[in-house]
Amino acid sequence: MATHKLSKSSKKNLEGVEDIVFLIVSRVLKKSEHDFGIPRDGGKRTPQRQNNLFHQRPKVTHLDGFKKKSYHQTGWAWDIFIFDEHGACWDCKKKYHEVAGLFKQEFDLMKDEGFIPESYTLHWGGDWIRFVDLPHFEIHTNI
């Protein structure tokens, strides 16, 4: 299995996220058979950047960044994009499910290792009912 690592642009796109987020992304990428990266707005966002995305067409978010805030604004959320033979693949559903499974396993392992407090929970946009967002992950600190 190839060992993947974060590119310079993916590292830049993760600037400002919590250390735990950076660590889990790095660890999962090393274990994943699918290479993935972090898109431009896939890490922490300012309220203004969130608002710009809210007004973008086609619409990429239903949260305006001011009245309705995104978890990306907290530094506890990230998006990925999976690479396939053609480049970034946004509808490789099976691959997103496989990578999400790795994130869930790694999250539990990091809890066992003491990197993540027991009260924290991982949420994947692929598990949502009303709006499925396969590339999206977030950690709730439940504090």
Foldseek 3Di string as FASTA:
>chain_A
DDADAADPQQVVQLPPADPVVVVLVGVLSRVAPWHKGFDNNFAADALCRQLVLCPDPVRDDVANSPPRNDLRNVSFKGFMFTQDPVGTDQPPVVSLVVSVVSSQVVVVVCCVVVVAPPQKDKDAQCPDDPGRRSRMIGIDNND
